[in-house]
Amino acid sequence: MDKRNFAFDRINYLLLAIGMVIVIIGFILMSGSGSTDTAYNPDIFSARRIKVAPVVCLIGFLSMIYAVVRRPKNKEGEK
């Protein structure tokens, strides 16, 4: 098969995988125990859960968008 017919190359798939791993890390950073009706847990408002984790997820989603939009480079001599 001719490689020019594929929309993505190996780098695109690698960037997509890296972006997905970053998003998963962001969701893991957001996880934790919550408050119940009988006990209040102030950790639900920690900086890690409401500031750091969403930014990590955003970076992951932006890197995935870049991986989809990125155009594979043509080899020399090909159009």
PDB file of N, CA and C in Angstrom:
ATOM      1  N   MET A   1       0.830  -1.189   0.000  1.00  0.00           N
ATOM      2  CA  MET A   1       0.000   0.000   0.000  1.00  0.00           C
ATOM      3  C   MET A   1       0.869   1.244   0.000  1.00  0.00           C
ATOM      4  N   ASP A   2       0.355   2.272  -0.599  1.00  0.00           N
ATOM      5  CA  ASP A   2       1.085   3.520  -0.678  1.00  0.00           C
ATOM      6  C   ASP A   2       0.859   4.321   0.588  1.00  0.00           C
ATOM      7  N   LYS A   3       1.945   4.763   1.223  1.00  0.00           N
ATOM      8  CA  LYS A   3       1.827   5.487   2.489  1.00  0.00           C
ATOM      9  C   LYS A   3       1.201   6.867   2.318  1.00  0.00           C
ATOM     10  N   ARG A   4       1.179   7.405   1.109  1.00  0.00           N
ATOM     11  CA  ARG A   4       0.600   8.727   0.902  1.00  0.00           C
ATOM     12  C   ARG A   4      -0.913   8.727   1.101  1.00  0.00           C
ATOM     13  N   ASN A   5      -1.550   7.571   1.095  1.00  0.00           N
ATOM     14  CA  ASN A   5      -2.996   7.491   1.249  1.00  0.00           C
ATOM     15  C   ASN A   5      -3.438   7.587   2.708  1.00  0.00           C
ATOM     16  N   PHE A   6      -2.531   7.453   3.645  1.00  0.00           N
ATOM     17  CA  PHE A   6      -2.881   7.505   5.056  1.00  0.00           C
ATOM     18  C   PHE A   6      -2.879   8.947   5.552  1.00  0.00           C
ATOM     19  N   ALA A   7      -3.840   9.274   6.390  1.00  0.00           N
ATOM     20  CA  ALA A   7      -3.928  10.633   6.915  1.00  0.00           C
ATOM     21  C   ALA A   7      -2.897  10.872   8.012  1.00  0.00           C
ATOM     22  N   PHE A   8      -2.587   9.839   8.798  1.00  0.00           N
ATOM     23  CA  PHE A   8      -1.653   9.977   9.915  1.00  0.00           C
ATOM     24  C   PHE A   8      -0.414   9.146   9.649  1.00  0.00           C
ATOM     25  N   ASP A   9       0.687   9.602  10.227  1.00  0.00           N
ATOM     26  CA  ASP A   9       1.893   8.785  10.209  1.00  0.00           C
ATOM     27  C   ASP A   9       2.194   8.329  11.630  1.00  0.00           C
ATOM     28  N   ARG A  10       3.338   7.731  11.816  1.00  0.00           N
ATOM     29  CA  ARG A  10       3.692   7.164  13.124  1.00  0.00           C
ATOM     30  C   ARG A  10       3.775   8.246  14.205  1.00  0.00           C
ATOM     31  N   ILE A  11       4.277   9.416  13.841  1.00  0.00           N
ATOM     32  CA  ILE A  11       4.419  10.509  14.807  1.00  0.00           C
ATOM     33  C   ILE A  11       3.047  10.973  15.293  1.00  0.00           C
ATOM     34  N   ASN A  12       2.062  11.040  14.391  1.00  0.00           N
ATOM     35  CA  ASN A  12       0.720  11.444  14.797  1.00  0.00           C
ATOM     36  C   ASN A  12       0.152  10.488  15.844  1.00  0.00           C
ATOM     37  N   TYR A  13       0.295   9.202  15.602  1.00  0.00           N
ATOM     38  CA  TYR A  13      -0.217   8.223  16.558  1.00  0.00           C
ATOM     39  C   TYR A  13       0.528   8.297  17.887  1.00  0.00           C
ATOM     40  N   LEU A  14       1.818   8.538  17.815  1.00  0.00           N
ATOM     41  CA  LEU A  14       2.608   8.673  19.037  1.00  0.00           C
ATOM     42  C   LEU A  14       2.164   9.901  19.836  1.00  0.00           C
ATOM     43  N   LEU A  15       1.935  11.019  19.161  1.00  0.00           N
ATOM     44  CA  LEU A  15       1.466  12.228  19.843  1.00  0.00           C
ATOM     45  C   LEU A  15       0.064  12.030  20.423  1.00  0.00           C
ATOM     46  N   LEU A  16      -0.792  11.304  19.713  1.00  0.00           N
ATOM     47  CA  LEU A  16      -2.122  11.003  20.252  1.00  0.00           C
ATOM     48  C   LEU A  16      -2.020  10.164  21.523  1.00  0.00           C
ATOM     49  N   ALA A  17      -1.158   9.172  21.511  1.00  0.00           N
ATOM     50  CA  ALA A  17      -0.992   8.324  22.692  1.00  0.00           C
ATOM     51  C   ALA A  17      -0.435   9.124  23.874  1.00  0.00           C
ATOM     52  N   ILE A  18       0.523   9.988  23.610  1.00  0.00           N
ATOM     53  CA  ILE A  18       1.088  10.811  24.682  1.00  0.00           C
ATOM     54  C   ILE A  18       0.025  11.746  25.245  1.00  0.00           C
ATOM     55  N   GLY A  19      -0.767  12.355  24.372  1.00  0.00           N
ATOM     56  CA  GLY A  19      -1.845  13.231  24.824  1.00  0.00           C
ATOM     57  C   GLY A  19      -2.861  12.493  25.668  1.00  0.00           C
ATOM     58  N   MET A  20      -3.203  11.267  25.270  1.00  0.00           N
ATOM     59  CA  MET A  20      -4.166  10.485  26.038  1.00  0.00           C
ATOM     60  C   MET A  20      -3.608  10.128  27.417  1.00  0.00           C
ATOM     61  N   VAL A  21      -2.334   9.812  27.488  1.00  0.00           N
ATOM     62  CA  VAL A  21      -1.707   9.507  28.778  1.00  0.00           C
ATOM     63  C   VAL A  21      -1.730  10.739  29.683  1.00  0.00           C
ATOM     64  N   ILE A  22      -1.480  11.919  29.102  1.00  0.00           N
ATOM     65  CA  ILE A  22      -1.518  13.156  29.891  1.00  0.00           C
ATOM     66  C   ILE A  22      -2.928  13.407  30.425  1.00  0.00           C
ATOM     67  N   VAL A  23      -3.946  13.166  29.610  1.00  0.00           N
ATOM     68  CA  VAL A  23      -5.327  13.351  30.064  1.00  0.00           C
ATOM     69  C   VAL A  23      -5.657  12.364  31.188  1.00  0.00           C
ATOM     70  N   ILE A  24      -5.230  11.140  31.047  1.00  0.00           N
ATOM     71  CA  ILE A  24      -5.482  10.137  32.094  1.00  0.00           C
ATOM     72  C   ILE A  24      -4.786  10.543  33.388  1.00  0.00           C
ATOM     73  N   ILE A  25      -3.571  11.060  33.295  1.00  0.00           N
ATOM     74  CA  ILE A  25      -2.873  11.536  34.494  1.00  0.00           C
ATOM     75  C   ILE A  25      -3.648  12.671  35.143  1.00  0.00           C
ATOM     76  N   GLY A  26      -4.191  13.573  34.332  1.00  0.00           N
ATOM     77  CA  GLY A  26      -4.998  14.669  34.865  1.00  0.00           C
ATOM     78  C   GLY A  26      -6.229  14.164  35.611  1.00  0.00           C
ATOM     79  N   PHE A  27      -6.904  13.167  35.051  1.00  0.00           N
ATOM     80  CA  PHE A  27      -8.074  12.612  35.731  1.00  0.00           C
ATOM     81  C   PHE A  27      -7.687  11.883  37.015  1.00  0.00           C
ATOM     82  N   ILE A  28      -6.538  11.232  37.017  1.00  0.00           N
ATOM     83  CA  ILE A  28      -6.069  10.579  38.240  1.00  0.00           C
ATOM     84  C   ILE A  28      -5.770  11.624  39.318  1.00  0.00           C
ATOM     85  N   LEU A  29      -5.196  12.765  38.891  1.00  0.00           N
ATOM     86  CA  LEU A  29      -4.935  13.835  39.861  1.00  0.00           C
ATOM     87  C   LEU A  29      -6.229  14.396  40.444  1.00  0.00           C
ATOM     88  N   MET A  30      -7.311  14.367  39.674  1.00  0.00           N
ATOM     89  CA  MET A  30      -8.598  14.875  40.161  1.00  0.00           C
ATOM     90  C   MET A  30      -9.291  13.910  41.118  1.00  0.00           C
ATOM     91  N   SER A  31      -8.928  12.656  41.069  1.00  0.00           N
ATOM     92  CA  SER A  31      -9.647  11.668  41.865  1.00  0.00           C
ATOM     93  C   SER A  31      -9.292  11.769  43.346  1.00  0.00           C
ATOM     94  N   GLY A  32     -10.114  11.179  44.145  1.00  0.00           N
ATOM     95  CA  GLY A  32      -9.906  11.172  45.592  1.00  0.00           C
ATOM     96  C   GLY A  32     -11.235  10.992  46.293  1.00  0.00           C
ATOM     97  N   SER A  33     -11.167  10.870  47.560  1.00  0.00           N
ATOM     98  CA  SER A  33     -12.409  10.675  48.311  1.00  0.00           C
ATOM     99  C   SER A  33     -13.153  11.992  48.431  1.00  0.00           C
ATOM    100  N   GLY A  34     -14.447  11.899  48.466  1.00  0.00           N
ATOM    101  CA  GLY A  34     -15.275  13.089  48.577  1.00  0.00           C
ATOM    102  C   GLY A  34     -15.877  13.204  49.958  1.00  0.00           C
ATOM    103  N   SER A  35     -16.679  14.221  50.133  1.00  0.00           N
ATOM    104  CA  SER A  35     -17.378  14.415  51.401  1.00  0.00           C
ATOM    105  C   SER A  35     -18.633  13.551  51.421  1.00  0.00           C
ATOM    106  N   THR A  36     -19.026  13.174  52.614  1.00  0.00           N
ATOM    107  CA  THR A  36     -20.275  12.431  52.788  1.00  0.00           C
ATOM    108  C   THR A  36     -21.256  13.298  53.565  1.00  0.00           C
ATOM    109  N   ASP A  37     -22.437  12.781  53.781  1.00  0.00           N
ATOM    110  CA  ASP A  37     -23.438  13.523  54.542  1.00  0.00           C
ATOM    111  C   ASP A  37     -23.023  13.708  55.998  1.00  0.00           C
ATOM    112  N   THR A  38     -22.240  12.777  56.509  1.00  0.00           N
ATOM    113  CA  THR A  38     -21.858  12.844  57.917  1.00  0.00           C
ATOM    114  C   THR A  38     -20.483  13.454  58.155  1.00  0.00           C
ATOM    115  N   ALA A  39     -19.614  13.451  57.143  1.00  0.00           N
ATOM    116  CA  ALA A  39     -18.245  13.951  57.341  1.00  0.00           C
ATOM    117  C   ALA A  39     -17.852  14.852  56.183  1.00  0.00           C
ATOM    118  N   TYR A  40     -17.293  16.006  56.540  1.00  0.00           N
ATOM    119  CA  TYR A  40     -16.815  16.951  55.540  1.00  0.00           C
ATOM    120  C   TYR A  40     -15.331  16.728  55.294  1.00  0.00           C
ATOM    121  N   ASN A  41     -14.957  16.642  54.043  1.00  0.00           N
ATOM    122  CA  ASN A  41     -13.557  16.436  53.679  1.00  0.00           C
ATOM    123  C   ASN A  41     -13.059  17.698  52.961  1.00  0.00           C
ATOM    124  N   PRO A  42     -12.241  18.523  53.597  1.00  0.00           N
ATOM    125  CA  PRO A  42     -11.779  19.751  52.946  1.00  0.00           C
ATOM    126  C   PRO A  42     -10.808  19.509  51.799  1.00  0.00           C
ATOM    127  N   ASP A  43     -10.343  18.270  51.627  1.00  0.00           N
ATOM    128  CA  ASP A  43      -9.407  17.952  50.556  1.00  0.00           C
ATOM    129  C   ASP A  43     -10.053  18.083  49.173  1.00  0.00           C
ATOM    130  N   ILE A  44     -11.378  18.143  49.115  1.00  0.00           N
ATOM    131  CA  ILE A  44     -12.014  18.267  47.803  1.00  0.00           C
ATOM    132  C   ILE A  44     -11.740  19.626  47.173  1.00  0.00           C
ATOM    133  N   PHE A  45     -11.296  20.591  47.947  1.00  0.00           N
ATOM    134  CA  PHE A  45     -10.969  21.912  47.427  1.00  0.00           C
ATOM    135  C   PHE A  45      -9.468  22.164  47.387  1.00  0.00           C
ATOM    136  N   SER A  46      -8.672  21.112  47.338  1.00  0.00           N
ATOM    137  CA  SER A  46      -7.214  21.288  47.297  1.00  0.00           C
ATOM    138  C   SER A  46      -6.799  21.841  45.929  1.00  0.00           C
ATOM    139  N   ALA A  47      -5.659  22.494  45.901  1.00  0.00           N
ATOM    140  CA  ALA A  47      -5.165  23.093  44.656  1.00  0.00           C
ATOM    141  C   ALA A  47      -4.890  22.032  43.597  1.00  0.00           C
ATOM    142  N   ARG A  48      -4.494  20.871  44.021  1.00  0.00           N
ATOM    143  CA  ARG A  48      -4.216  19.785  43.071  1.00  0.00           C
ATOM    144  C   ARG A  48      -5.477  19.390  42.322  1.00  0.00           C
ATOM    145  N   ARG A  49      -6.610  19.351  43.023  1.00  0.00           N
ATOM    146  CA  ARG A  49      -7.844  18.862  42.412  1.00  0.00           C
ATOM    147  C   ARG A  49      -8.606  19.922  41.633  1.00  0.00           C
ATOM    148  N   ILE A  50      -8.455  21.197  41.986  1.00  0.00           N
ATOM    149  CA  ILE A  50      -9.243  22.201  41.279  1.00  0.00           C
ATOM    150  C   ILE A  50      -8.417  23.125  40.396  1.00  0.00           C
ATOM    151  N   LYS A  51      -7.093  23.054  40.476  1.00  0.00           N
ATOM    152  CA  LYS A  51      -6.258  23.908  39.632  1.00  0.00           C
ATOM    153  C   LYS A  51      -5.295  23.110  38.767  1.00  0.00           C
ATOM    154  N   VAL A  52      -4.516  22.255  39.378  1.00  0.00           N
ATOM    155  CA  VAL A  52      -3.466  21.550  38.653  1.00  0.00           C
ATOM    156  C   VAL A  52      -4.048  20.505  37.701  1.00  0.00           C
ATOM    157  N   ALA A  53      -4.944  19.678  38.183  1.00  0.00           N
ATOM    158  CA  ALA A  53      -5.482  18.592  37.369  1.00  0.00           C
ATOM    159  C   ALA A  53      -6.234  19.089  36.129  1.00  0.00           C
ATOM    160  N   PRO A  54      -7.094  20.099  36.232  1.00  0.00           N
ATOM    161  CA  PRO A  54      -7.738  20.583  34.999  1.00  0.00           C
ATOM    162  C   PRO A  54      -6.758  21.165  33.984  1.00  0.00           C
ATOM    163  N   VAL A  55      -5.701  21.820  34.456  1.00  0.00           N
ATOM    164  CA  VAL A  55      -4.699  22.345  33.525  1.00  0.00           C
ATOM    165  C   VAL A  55      -3.958  21.205  32.840  1.00  0.00           C
ATOM    166  N   VAL A  56      -3.649  20.151  33.581  1.00  0.00           N
ATOM    167  CA  VAL A  56      -2.988  18.982  32.990  1.00  0.00           C
ATOM    168  C   VAL A  56      -3.897  18.352  31.940  1.00  0.00           C
ATOM    169  N   CYS A  57      -5.181  18.225  32.227  1.00  0.00           N
ATOM    170  CA  CYS A  57      -6.127  17.681  31.252  1.00  0.00           C
ATOM    171  C   CYS A  57      -6.214  18.573  30.021  1.00  0.00           C
ATOM    172  N   LEU A  58      -6.248  19.877  30.221  1.00  0.00           N
ATOM    173  CA  LEU A  58      -6.313  20.805  29.097  1.00  0.00           C
ATOM    174  C   LEU A  58      -5.089  20.671  28.201  1.00  0.00           C
ATOM    175  N   ILE A  59      -3.918  20.558  28.808  1.00  0.00           N
ATOM    176  CA  ILE A  59      -2.693  20.370  28.033  1.00  0.00           C
ATOM    177  C   ILE A  59      -2.764  19.063  27.238  1.00  0.00           C
ATOM    178  N   GLY A  60      -3.290  18.021  27.865  1.00  0.00           N
ATOM    179  CA  GLY A  60      -3.439  16.747  27.163  1.00  0.00           C
ATOM    180  C   GLY A  60      -4.392  16.840  25.994  1.00  0.00           C
ATOM    181  N   PHE A  61      -5.539  17.508  26.185  1.00  0.00           N
ATOM    182  CA  PHE A  61      -6.493  17.658  25.094  1.00  0.00           C
ATOM    183  C   PHE A  61      -5.926  18.517  23.973  1.00  0.00           C
ATOM    184  N   LEU A  62      -5.201  19.577  24.314  1.00  0.00           N
ATOM    185  CA  LEU A  62      -4.590  20.421  23.287  1.00  0.00           C
ATOM    186  C   LEU A  62      -3.522  19.653  22.497  1.00  0.00           C
ATOM    187  N   SER A  63      -2.767  18.817  23.179  1.00  0.00           N
ATOM    188  CA  SER A  63      -1.762  18.025  22.463  1.00  0.00           C
ATOM    189  C   SER A  63      -2.415  16.987  21.560  1.00  0.00           C
ATOM    190  N   MET A  64      -3.572  16.471  21.960  1.00  0.00           N
ATOM    191  CA  MET A  64      -4.290  15.543  21.092  1.00  0.00           C
ATOM    192  C   MET A  64      -4.852  16.268  19.869  1.00  0.00           C
ATOM    193  N   ILE A  65      -5.336  17.483  20.050  1.00  0.00           N
ATOM    194  CA  ILE A  65      -5.818  18.261  18.912  1.00  0.00           C
ATOM    195  C   ILE A  65      -4.665  18.550  17.949  1.00  0.00           C
ATOM    196  N   TYR A  66      -3.500  18.911  18.507  1.00  0.00           N
ATOM    197  CA  TYR A  66      -2.335  19.138  17.652  1.00  0.00           C
ATOM    198  C   TYR A  66      -1.966  17.873  16.885  1.00  0.00           C
ATOM    199  N   ALA A  67      -2.046  16.725  17.520  1.00  0.00           N
ATOM    200  CA  ALA A  67      -1.695  15.471  16.857  1.00  0.00           C
ATOM    201  C   ALA A  67      -2.640  15.178  15.695  1.00  0.00           C
ATOM    202  N   VAL A  68      -3.897  15.556  15.831  1.00  0.00           N
ATOM    203  CA  VAL A  68      -4.858  15.320  14.754  1.00  0.00           C
ATOM    204  C   VAL A  68      -4.642  16.319  13.615  1.00  0.00           C
ATOM    205  N   VAL A  69      -4.323  17.562  13.951  1.00  0.00           N
ATOM    206  CA  VAL A  69      -4.191  18.606  12.944  1.00  0.00           C
ATOM    207  C   VAL A  69      -2.840  18.539  12.229  1.00  0.00           C
ATOM    208  N   ARG A  70      -1.834  17.995  12.883  1.00  0.00           N
ATOM    209  CA  ARG A  70      -0.476  17.960  12.329  1.00  0.00           C
ATOM    210  C   ARG A  70      -0.464  17.200  11.005  1.00  0.00           C
ATOM    211  N   ARG A  71       0.165  17.799  10.020  1.00  0.00           N
ATOM    212  CA  ARG A  71       0.279  17.176   8.714  1.00  0.00           C
ATOM    213  C   ARG A  71       1.599  16.424   8.619  1.00  0.00           C
ATOM    214  N   PRO A  72       1.573  15.165   8.198  1.00  0.00           N
ATOM    215  CA  PRO A  72       2.830  14.424   8.060  1.00  0.00           C
ATOM    216  C   PRO A  72       3.714  15.065   6.990  1.00  0.00           C
ATOM    217  N   LYS A  73       5.005  15.088   7.248  1.00  0.00           N
ATOM    218  CA  LYS A  73       5.942  15.673   6.292  1.00  0.00           C
ATOM    219  C   LYS A  73       6.141  14.695   5.135  1.00  0.00           C
ATOM    220  N   ASN A  74       6.236  15.258   3.939  1.00  0.00           N
ATOM    221  CA  ASN A  74       6.504  14.434   2.762  1.00  0.00           C
ATOM    222  C   ASN A  74       7.992  14.120   2.689  1.00  0.00           C
ATOM    223  N   LYS A  75       8.287  12.965   2.166  1.00  0.00           N
ATOM    224  CA  LYS A  75       9.694  12.617   1.959  1.00  0.00           C
ATOM    225  C   LYS A  75      10.239  13.418   0.799  1.00  0.00           C
ATOM    226  N   GLU A  76      11.541  13.567   0.744  1.00  0.00           N
ATOM    227  CA  GLU A  76      12.157  14.342  -0.327  1.00  0.00           C
ATOM    228  C   GLU A  76      11.886  13.666  -1.670  1.00  0.00           C
ATOM    229  N   GLY A  77      11.560  14.492  -2.661  1.00  0.00           N
ATOM    230  CA  GLY A  77      11.296  13.964  -3.988  1.00  0.00           C
ATOM    231  C   GLY A  77       9.835  13.608  -4.225  1.00  0.00           C
ATOM    232  N   GLU A  78       8.990  13.608  -3.188  1.00  0.00           N
ATOM    233  CA  GLU A  78       7.574  13.302  -3.352  1.00  0.00           C
ATOM    234  C   GLU A  78       6.772  14.583  -3.244  1.00  0.00           C
ATOM    235  N   LYS A  79       5.613  14.598  -3.856  1.00  0.00           N
ATOM    236  CA  LYS A  79       4.720  15.748  -3.733  1.00  0.00           C
ATOM    237  C   LYS A  79       3.622  15.485  -2.771  1.00  0.00           C
TER     238      LYS A  79
END
